Amino acid sequence: MTAVHVEVVTLRHQSEFFKVYEHVYSSREEVQTFYGRFLENGWVSGAWKNSELIGVLTWMPREAIKHGLAEIIDFWVKTEERGKGIGGKLIDHAIIQMRMYYQRFGGVALRKVMLFTEATDRFSAARTLYEKKGFRVVATIPRDALDNPYGDDLLYVLEIKL
């Protein structure tokens, strides 16, 4: 069995990282524009297996730093790698990175992590993982509120124990 390692995805990984997203966006420039700031700031945790990027968790600070709030923006693991604990490792790694980021600002503590996900069946395994990690649903956003063609969205929040 090949080991999976999780690390911060940096600008040195940008070619591999952008390649993964090119099929999602209309152009490589769009990918670079959206994700460039995450790479520059170290706000991406990546799971690697045999030098292949097999999972990503992208996050960013929200509001003023003093509030200690971060948001998970994007999170995925390749279909064939799911159910192997990789998603949990990505969440754990990202939360460590978030804590370190906030500590840089005079010892500000990370207090909460939020994320949005679809309420549809295709995200049931992801929701189970979030709940296993301590995230709780705090709001349901109806599909028509954000013009989501797939259905309702759920807002999850993880309260960090200080």
N, C-alpha and C. Protein backbone atom coordinates (compact mmCIF):
# COMPACT_ATOMS: atom_id res chain seq x y z
N MET A 1 0.85 -1.19 0.00
CA MET A 1 0.00 0.00 0.00
C MET A 1 0.89 1.25 0.00
N THR A 2 0.60 2.16 -0.88
CA THR A 2 1.36 3.38 -0.98
C THR A 2 0.88 4.39 0.05
N ALA A 3 1.85 4.99 0.73
CA ALA A 3 1.52 5.97 1.77
C ALA A 3 1.01 7.28 1.14
N VAL A 4 0.09 7.90 1.86
CA VAL A 4 -0.43 9.21 1.47
C VAL A 4 0.14 10.21 2.46
N HIS A 5 0.65 11.31 1.96
CA HIS A 5 1.11 12.36 2.87
C HIS A 5 0.36 13.65 2.57
N VAL A 6 0.14 14.42 3.63
CA VAL A 6 -0.60 15.68 3.53
C VAL A 6 0.36 16.80 3.88
N GLU A 7 0.34 17.84 3.06
CA GLU A 7 1.20 18.99 3.29
C GLU A 7 0.55 20.24 2.71
N VAL A 8 1.11 21.39 3.07
CA VAL A 8 0.64 22.65 2.50
C VAL A 8 1.00 22.66 1.02
N VAL A 9 0.05 23.00 0.19
CA VAL A 9 0.29 23.15 -1.25
C VAL A 9 0.77 24.58 -1.45
N THR A 10 1.94 24.71 -2.05
CA THR A 10 2.55 26.02 -2.24
C THR A 10 2.69 26.34 -3.72
N LEU A 11 3.29 27.47 -4.00
CA LEU A 11 3.48 27.88 -5.39
C LEU A 11 4.33 26.88 -6.17
N ARG A 12 5.20 26.14 -5.48
CA ARG A 12 6.00 25.14 -6.21
C ARG A 12 5.15 24.00 -6.74
N HIS A 13 3.93 23.84 -6.21
CA HIS A 13 3.00 22.81 -6.66
C HIS A 13 1.98 23.35 -7.65
N GLN A 14 2.09 24.63 -8.03
CA GLN A 14 1.00 25.27 -8.75
C GLN A 14 0.65 24.60 -10.08
N SER A 15 1.61 24.08 -10.79
CA SER A 15 1.32 23.45 -12.08
C SER A 15 0.40 22.24 -11.89
N GLU A 16 0.74 21.37 -10.97
CA GLU A 16 -0.08 20.20 -10.67
C GLU A 16 -1.45 20.62 -10.13
N PHE A 17 -1.43 21.59 -9.23
CA PHE A 17 -2.67 22.07 -8.61
C PHE A 17 -3.61 22.67 -9.65
N PHE A 18 -3.12 23.58 -10.49
CA PHE A 18 -3.98 24.22 -11.48
C PHE A 18 -4.51 23.21 -12.50
N LYS A 19 -3.68 22.22 -12.84
CA LYS A 19 -4.09 21.21 -13.81
C LYS A 19 -5.34 20.46 -13.33
N VAL A 20 -5.41 20.18 -12.05
CA VAL A 20 -6.55 19.46 -11.47
C VAL A 20 -7.85 20.23 -11.66
N TYR A 21 -7.77 21.56 -11.63
CA TYR A 21 -8.97 22.39 -11.67
C TYR A 21 -9.34 22.88 -13.07
N GLU A 22 -8.52 22.66 -14.06
CA GLU A 22 -8.79 23.20 -15.39
C GLU A 22 -10.11 22.71 -15.98
N HIS A 23 -10.54 21.51 -15.64
CA HIS A 23 -11.80 20.98 -16.18
C HIS A 23 -13.02 21.59 -15.50
N VAL A 24 -12.82 22.23 -14.35
CA VAL A 24 -13.92 22.82 -13.60
C VAL A 24 -14.20 24.26 -14.04
N TYR A 25 -13.14 24.99 -14.37
CA TYR A 25 -13.26 26.40 -14.73
C TYR A 25 -13.14 26.58 -16.25
N SER A 26 -13.47 27.77 -16.71
CA SER A 26 -13.50 28.01 -18.16
C SER A 26 -12.10 28.19 -18.75
N SER A 27 -11.11 28.52 -17.92
CA SER A 27 -9.75 28.70 -18.43
C SER A 27 -8.74 28.55 -17.31
N ARG A 28 -7.49 28.33 -17.68
CA ARG A 28 -6.41 28.25 -16.69
C ARG A 28 -6.27 29.60 -15.96
N GLU A 29 -6.49 30.69 -16.68
CA GLU A 29 -6.40 32.02 -16.07
C GLU A 29 -7.43 32.20 -14.96
N GLU A 30 -8.64 31.66 -15.20
CA GLU A 30 -9.68 31.74 -14.18
C GLU A 30 -9.26 30.96 -12.93
N VAL A 31 -8.69 29.78 -13.13
CA VAL A 31 -8.21 28.96 -12.01
C VAL A 31 -7.13 29.72 -11.24
N GLN A 32 -6.17 30.29 -11.97
CA GLN A 32 -5.07 31.02 -11.33
C GLN A 32 -5.57 32.24 -10.58
N THR A 33 -6.54 32.94 -11.15
CA THR A 33 -7.09 34.12 -10.50
C THR A 33 -7.78 33.74 -9.20
N PHE A 34 -8.57 32.68 -9.22
CA PHE A 34 -9.30 32.30 -8.01
C PHE A 34 -8.39 31.68 -6.97
N TYR A 35 -7.55 30.72 -7.36
CA TYR A 35 -6.77 29.95 -6.38
C TYR A 35 -5.38 30.51 -6.09
N GLY A 36 -4.90 31.44 -6.89
CA GLY A 36 -3.56 32.00 -6.67
C GLY A 36 -3.37 32.55 -5.27
N ARG A 37 -4.35 33.26 -4.76
CA ARG A 37 -4.24 33.86 -3.42
C ARG A 37 -4.17 32.79 -2.33
N PHE A 38 -4.83 31.66 -2.54
CA PHE A 38 -4.79 30.58 -1.55
C PHE A 38 -3.38 29.96 -1.51
N LEU A 39 -2.81 29.74 -2.69
CA LEU A 39 -1.46 29.17 -2.76
C LEU A 39 -0.43 30.13 -2.17
N GLU A 40 -0.55 31.40 -2.50
CA GLU A 40 0.41 32.40 -2.01
C GLU A 40 0.40 32.49 -0.49
N ASN A 41 -0.75 32.28 0.13
CA ASN A 41 -0.89 32.44 1.57
C ASN A 41 -0.78 31.13 2.35
N GLY A 42 -0.62 30.00 1.67
CA GLY A 42 -0.53 28.71 2.35
C GLY A 42 -1.86 28.22 2.87
N TRP A 43 -2.94 28.60 2.22
CA TRP A 43 -4.28 28.23 2.66
C TRP A 43 -4.82 26.99 1.94
N VAL A 44 -3.92 26.11 1.50
CA VAL A 44 -4.32 24.89 0.81
C VAL A 44 -3.58 23.70 1.43
N SER A 45 -4.34 22.69 1.85
CA SER A 45 -3.75 21.42 2.28
C SER A 45 -3.99 20.42 1.16
N GLY A 46 -2.95 19.69 0.79
CA GLY A 46 -3.08 18.71 -0.28
C GLY A 46 -2.66 17.33 0.17
N ALA A 47 -3.36 16.32 -0.32
CA ALA A 47 -3.01 14.92 -0.07
C ALA A 47 -2.33 14.38 -1.33
N TRP A 48 -1.16 13.80 -1.15
CA TRP A 48 -0.35 13.31 -2.26
C TRP A 48 -0.12 11.81 -2.13
N LYS A 49 -0.19 11.13 -3.25
CA LYS A 49 0.10 9.70 -3.32
C LYS A 49 0.88 9.47 -4.60
N ASN A 50 2.08 8.94 -4.47
CA ASN A 50 2.95 8.74 -5.65
C ASN A 50 3.08 10.01 -6.48
N SER A 51 3.30 11.14 -5.82
CA SER A 51 3.47 12.44 -6.48
C SER A 51 2.21 12.94 -7.19
N GLU A 52 1.07 12.31 -6.94
CA GLU A 52 -0.18 12.73 -7.54
C GLU A 52 -1.05 13.40 -6.47
N LEU A 53 -1.62 14.52 -6.82
CA LEU A 53 -2.53 15.23 -5.93
C LEU A 53 -3.87 14.50 -5.94
N ILE A 54 -4.24 13.90 -4.79
CA ILE A 54 -5.46 13.08 -4.75
C ILE A 54 -6.55 13.68 -3.85
N GLY A 55 -6.23 14.81 -3.21
CA GLY A 55 -7.22 15.47 -2.37
C GLY A 55 -6.77 16.86 -2.00
N VAL A 56 -7.73 17.75 -1.81
CA VAL A 56 -7.43 19.16 -1.51
C VAL A 56 -8.45 19.70 -0.52
N LEU A 57 -7.96 20.52 0.40
CA LEU A 57 -8.83 21.32 1.26
C LEU A 57 -8.29 22.74 1.19
N THR A 58 -9.11 23.65 0.70
CA THR A 58 -8.75 25.06 0.57
C THR A 58 -9.57 25.84 1.59
N TRP A 59 -8.90 26.76 2.29
CA TRP A 59 -9.57 27.54 3.34
C TRP A 59 -9.09 28.98 3.27
N MET A 60 -9.77 29.83 4.02
CA MET A 60 -9.34 31.22 4.14
C MET A 60 -9.90 31.81 5.43
N PRO A 61 -9.21 32.83 5.96
CA PRO A 61 -9.76 33.54 7.12
C PRO A 61 -10.98 34.34 6.69
N ARG A 62 -11.92 34.49 7.61
CA ARG A 62 -13.13 35.26 7.35
C ARG A 62 -13.22 36.41 8.34
N GLU A 63 -13.81 37.50 7.89
CA GLU A 63 -14.01 38.67 8.76
C GLU A 63 -12.65 39.18 9.25
N ALA A 64 -12.66 39.93 10.31
CA ALA A 64 -11.43 40.42 10.91
C ALA A 64 -10.74 39.27 11.65
N ILE A 65 -9.42 39.26 11.61
CA ILE A 65 -8.65 38.21 12.25
C ILE A 65 -9.05 38.02 13.72
N LYS A 66 -9.34 39.12 14.40
CA LYS A 66 -9.65 39.04 15.84
C LYS A 66 -10.84 38.14 16.16
N HIS A 67 -11.68 37.85 15.15
CA HIS A 67 -12.85 37.00 15.38
C HIS A 67 -12.51 35.51 15.36
N GLY A 68 -11.33 35.17 14.81
CA GLY A 68 -10.91 33.77 14.81
C GLY A 68 -11.78 32.85 13.98
N LEU A 69 -12.32 33.34 12.87
CA LEU A 69 -13.21 32.56 12.02
C LEU A 69 -12.53 32.24 10.69
N ALA A 70 -12.56 30.96 10.32
CA ALA A 70 -12.03 30.52 9.03
C ALA A 70 -13.14 29.77 8.28
N GLU A 71 -13.02 29.77 6.96
CA GLU A 71 -14.00 29.05 6.13
C GLU A 71 -13.31 28.07 5.22
N ILE A 72 -13.82 26.85 5.18
CA ILE A 72 -13.37 25.88 4.19
C ILE A 72 -14.11 26.20 2.90
N ILE A 73 -13.34 26.49 1.87
CA ILE A 73 -13.89 26.93 0.59
C ILE A 73 -14.10 25.76 -0.37
N ASP A 74 -13.15 24.85 -0.40
CA ASP A 74 -13.18 23.75 -1.36
C ASP A 74 -12.58 22.53 -0.67
N PHE A 75 -13.19 21.37 -0.87
CA PHE A 75 -12.71 20.15 -0.22
C PHE A 75 -13.11 18.97 -1.08
N TRP A 76 -12.13 18.17 -1.47
CA TRP A 76 -12.44 16.98 -2.27
C TRP A 76 -11.33 15.94 -2.11
N VAL A 77 -11.70 14.70 -2.35
CA VAL A 77 -10.78 13.58 -2.44
C VAL A 77 -11.20 12.80 -3.68
N LYS A 78 -10.22 12.36 -4.47
CA LYS A 78 -10.55 11.59 -5.67
C LYS A 78 -11.46 10.42 -5.31
N THR A 79 -12.42 10.15 -6.16
CA THR A 79 -13.43 9.13 -5.90
C THR A 79 -12.82 7.80 -5.47
N GLU A 80 -11.81 7.35 -6.18
CA GLU A 80 -11.23 6.03 -5.88
C GLU A 80 -10.41 6.01 -4.58
N GLU A 81 -10.17 7.17 -3.99
CA GLU A 81 -9.40 7.26 -2.75
C GLU A 81 -10.29 7.53 -1.53
N ARG A 82 -11.58 7.65 -1.75
CA ARG A 82 -12.49 7.95 -0.65
C ARG A 82 -12.67 6.74 0.26
N GLY A 83 -13.01 7.01 1.52
CA GLY A 83 -13.23 5.95 2.48
C GLY A 83 -11.94 5.40 3.08
N LYS A 84 -10.82 6.08 2.87
CA LYS A 84 -9.52 5.61 3.36
C LYS A 84 -8.94 6.54 4.43
N GLY A 85 -9.74 7.48 4.91
CA GLY A 85 -9.26 8.39 5.96
C GLY A 85 -8.54 9.63 5.47
N ILE A 86 -8.46 9.80 4.16
CA ILE A 86 -7.72 10.93 3.60
C ILE A 86 -8.44 12.25 3.88
N GLY A 87 -9.75 12.26 3.76
CA GLY A 87 -10.51 13.48 4.05
C GLY A 87 -10.31 13.94 5.49
N GLY A 88 -10.32 13.01 6.42
CA GLY A 88 -10.09 13.34 7.82
C GLY A 88 -8.70 13.91 8.04
N LYS A 89 -7.70 13.33 7.37
CA LYS A 89 -6.33 13.84 7.47
C LYS A 89 -6.24 15.26 6.92
N LEU A 90 -6.95 15.52 5.83
CA LEU A 90 -6.93 16.88 5.26
C LEU A 90 -7.56 17.88 6.22
N ILE A 91 -8.68 17.52 6.83
CA ILE A 91 -9.32 18.42 7.79
C ILE A 91 -8.39 18.68 8.97
N ASP A 92 -7.80 17.62 9.53
CA ASP A 92 -6.89 17.78 10.67
C ASP A 92 -5.71 18.68 10.31
N HIS A 93 -5.12 18.45 9.15
CA HIS A 93 -3.97 19.25 8.71
C HIS A 93 -4.36 20.71 8.55
N ALA A 94 -5.50 20.94 7.89
CA ALA A 94 -5.94 22.32 7.65
C ALA A 94 -6.21 23.06 8.96
N ILE A 95 -6.80 22.38 9.93
CA ILE A 95 -7.09 23.04 11.20
C ILE A 95 -5.79 23.41 11.92
N ILE A 96 -4.78 22.56 11.82
CA ILE A 96 -3.47 22.91 12.39
C ILE A 96 -2.93 24.16 11.70
N GLN A 97 -3.04 24.20 10.37
CA GLN A 97 -2.56 25.36 9.61
C GLN A 97 -3.34 26.62 9.97
N MET A 98 -4.65 26.49 10.15
CA MET A 98 -5.48 27.63 10.54
C MET A 98 -5.05 28.16 11.91
N ARG A 99 -4.84 27.26 12.85
CA ARG A 99 -4.40 27.68 14.19
C ARG A 99 -3.07 28.43 14.12
N MET A 100 -2.14 27.91 13.34
CA MET A 100 -0.83 28.56 13.20
C MET A 100 -0.98 29.93 12.55
N TYR A 101 -1.85 30.02 11.56
CA TYR A 101 -2.07 31.30 10.89
C TYR A 101 -2.57 32.35 11.88
N TYR A 102 -3.58 32.02 12.66
CA TYR A 102 -4.14 32.98 13.60
C TYR A 102 -3.16 33.33 14.71
N GLN A 103 -2.34 32.39 15.14
CA GLN A 103 -1.35 32.66 16.18
C GLN A 103 -0.34 33.73 15.76
N ARG A 104 -0.12 33.85 14.47
CA ARG A 104 0.82 34.86 13.96
C ARG A 104 0.38 36.28 14.29
N PHE A 105 -0.88 36.48 14.58
CA PHE A 105 -1.43 37.80 14.82
C PHE A 105 -1.62 38.05 16.31
N GLY A 106 -0.51 38.07 17.01
CA GLY A 106 -0.54 38.39 18.43
C GLY A 106 -1.26 37.35 19.28
N GLY A 107 -1.20 36.12 18.86
CA GLY A 107 -1.79 35.06 19.66
C GLY A 107 -3.29 34.94 19.54
N VAL A 108 -3.87 35.45 18.45
CA VAL A 108 -5.31 35.30 18.23
C VAL A 108 -5.62 33.82 18.08
N ALA A 109 -6.69 33.37 18.68
CA ALA A 109 -7.07 31.96 18.62
C ALA A 109 -8.08 31.71 17.51
N LEU A 110 -7.91 30.59 16.83
CA LEU A 110 -8.94 30.10 15.92
C LEU A 110 -10.12 29.67 16.77
N ARG A 111 -11.28 30.21 16.50
CA ARG A 111 -12.46 29.91 17.33
C ARG A 111 -13.50 29.05 16.62
N LYS A 112 -13.67 29.32 15.32
CA LYS A 112 -14.69 28.57 14.57
C LYS A 112 -14.23 28.37 13.13
N VAL A 113 -14.68 27.25 12.58
CA VAL A 113 -14.46 26.94 11.16
C VAL A 113 -15.82 26.67 10.56
N MET A 114 -16.10 27.32 9.44
CA MET A 114 -17.39 27.14 8.78
C MET A 114 -17.21 26.55 7.39
N LEU A 115 -18.25 25.94 6.88
CA LEU A 115 -18.25 25.46 5.50
C LEU A 115 -19.68 25.30 5.02
N PHE A 116 -19.85 25.40 3.73
CA PHE A 116 -21.15 25.15 3.10
C PHE A 116 -21.04 23.86 2.30
N THR A 117 -22.10 23.09 2.30
CA THR A 117 -22.15 21.89 1.47
C THR A 117 -23.59 21.66 1.05
N GLU A 118 -23.74 20.90 0.00
CA GLU A 118 -25.09 20.59 -0.48
C GLU A 118 -25.77 19.59 0.44
N ALA A 119 -27.07 19.69 0.53
CA ALA A 119 -27.87 18.78 1.34
C ALA A 119 -28.29 17.53 0.55
N THR A 120 -27.81 17.41 -0.68
CA THR A 120 -28.20 16.28 -1.53
C THR A 120 -27.52 14.98 -1.09
N ASP A 121 -28.05 13.86 -1.56
CA ASP A 121 -27.51 12.55 -1.22
C ASP A 121 -26.07 12.36 -1.67
N ARG A 122 -25.69 12.99 -2.77
CA ARG A 122 -24.32 12.77 -3.26
C ARG A 122 -23.25 13.31 -2.31
N PHE A 123 -23.65 14.14 -1.33
CA PHE A 123 -22.70 14.66 -0.34
C PHE A 123 -22.90 14.04 1.04
N SER A 124 -23.64 12.95 1.12
CA SER A 124 -23.92 12.35 2.43
C SER A 124 -22.66 11.84 3.12
N ALA A 125 -21.72 11.26 2.38
CA ALA A 125 -20.47 10.78 2.99
C ALA A 125 -19.66 11.96 3.52
N ALA A 126 -19.63 13.05 2.79
CA ALA A 126 -18.90 14.24 3.25
C ALA A 126 -19.54 14.78 4.52
N ARG A 127 -20.86 14.83 4.55
CA ARG A 127 -21.54 15.34 5.74
C ARG A 127 -21.29 14.44 6.95
N THR A 128 -21.25 13.15 6.72
CA THR A 128 -20.92 12.21 7.80
C THR A 128 -19.53 12.49 8.35
N LEU A 129 -18.57 12.73 7.46
CA LEU A 129 -17.21 13.07 7.89
C LEU A 129 -17.19 14.37 8.69
N TYR A 130 -17.86 15.40 8.19
CA TYR A 130 -17.90 16.67 8.91
C TYR A 130 -18.44 16.48 10.33
N GLU A 131 -19.51 15.74 10.42
CA GLU A 131 -20.14 15.52 11.73
C GLU A 131 -19.24 14.69 12.64
N LYS A 132 -18.54 13.72 12.08
CA LYS A 132 -17.58 12.92 12.85
C LYS A 132 -16.46 13.81 13.41
N LYS A 133 -16.08 14.82 12.65
CA LYS A 133 -15.02 15.74 13.05
C LYS A 133 -15.53 16.84 13.99
N GLY A 134 -16.84 16.86 14.28
CA GLY A 134 -17.38 17.81 15.24
C GLY A 134 -18.13 18.99 14.64
N PHE A 135 -18.22 19.06 13.32
CA PHE A 135 -19.01 20.12 12.69
C PHE A 135 -20.49 19.87 12.94
N ARG A 136 -21.25 20.95 13.08
CA ARG A 136 -22.69 20.85 13.30
C ARG A 136 -23.41 21.77 12.33
N VAL A 137 -24.57 21.31 11.85
CA VAL A 137 -25.39 22.14 10.97
C VAL A 137 -26.00 23.27 11.79
N VAL A 138 -25.81 24.51 11.34
CA VAL A 138 -26.38 25.65 12.04
C VAL A 138 -27.44 26.37 11.20
N ALA A 139 -27.49 26.06 9.90
CA ALA A 139 -28.49 26.71 9.04
C ALA A 139 -28.67 25.91 7.76
N THR A 140 -29.87 25.99 7.24
CA THR A 140 -30.18 25.44 5.92
C THR A 140 -30.51 26.61 5.01
N ILE A 141 -29.86 26.65 3.86
CA ILE A 141 -30.08 27.72 2.90
C ILE A 141 -30.90 27.13 1.75
N PRO A 142 -32.14 27.59 1.57
CA PRO A 142 -32.98 27.03 0.52
C PRO A 142 -32.36 27.22 -0.87
N ARG A 143 -32.59 26.25 -1.73
CA ARG A 143 -31.98 26.26 -3.07
C ARG A 143 -32.23 27.56 -3.82
N ASP A 144 -33.39 28.16 -3.67
CA ASP A 144 -33.69 29.38 -4.43
C ASP A 144 -33.01 30.62 -3.85
N ALA A 145 -32.51 30.55 -2.62
CA ALA A 145 -31.84 31.70 -2.03
C ALA A 145 -30.51 32.00 -2.72
N LEU A 146 -29.82 30.97 -3.18
CA LEU A 146 -28.53 31.14 -3.86
C LEU A 146 -28.56 30.63 -5.29
N ASP A 147 -29.73 30.37 -5.79
CA ASP A 147 -29.89 29.83 -7.14
C ASP A 147 -29.09 28.55 -7.34
N ASN A 148 -29.07 27.70 -6.33
CA ASN A 148 -28.38 26.43 -6.41
C ASN A 148 -29.27 25.44 -7.17
N PRO A 149 -28.84 25.01 -8.35
CA PRO A 149 -29.68 24.11 -9.14
C PRO A 149 -29.81 22.71 -8.55
N TYR A 150 -28.96 22.36 -7.58
CA TYR A 150 -28.93 21.00 -7.04
C TYR A 150 -29.79 20.81 -5.80
N GLY A 151 -30.10 21.87 -5.10
CA GLY A 151 -30.91 21.74 -3.90
C GLY A 151 -30.43 22.66 -2.80
N ASP A 152 -30.90 22.39 -1.60
CA ASP A 152 -30.54 23.21 -0.45
C ASP A 152 -29.06 23.07 -0.11
N ASP A 153 -28.52 24.10 0.53
CA ASP A 153 -27.16 24.06 1.08
C ASP A 153 -27.27 24.03 2.59
N LEU A 154 -26.26 23.46 3.22
CA LEU A 154 -26.18 23.43 4.68
C LEU A 154 -24.95 24.22 5.11
N LEU A 155 -25.10 25.00 6.17
CA LEU A 155 -23.96 25.70 6.77
C LEU A 155 -23.55 24.90 7.99
N TYR A 156 -22.32 24.41 7.97
CA TYR A 156 -21.74 23.68 9.10
C TYR A 156 -20.76 24.58 9.82
N VAL A 157 -20.68 24.44 11.14
CA VAL A 157 -19.70 25.18 11.95
C VAL A 157 -19.07 24.22 12.94
N LEU A 158 -17.75 24.35 13.05
CA LEU A 158 -16.97 23.62 14.05
C LEU A 158 -16.50 24.64 15.07
N GLU A 159 -16.86 24.44 16.32
CA GLU A 159 -16.36 25.30 17.39
C GLU A 159 -15.07 24.70 17.92
N ILE A 160 -14.01 25.47 17.90
CA ILE A 160 -12.70 25.01 18.33
C ILE A 160 -12.59 25.17 19.84
N LYS A 161 -12.23 24.12 20.49
CA LYS A 161 -12.03 24.19 21.94
C LYS A 161 -10.71 24.89 22.23
N LEU A 162 -10.76 25.93 23.03
CA LEU A 162 -9.56 26.71 23.34
C LEU A 162 -8.76 26.09 24.47
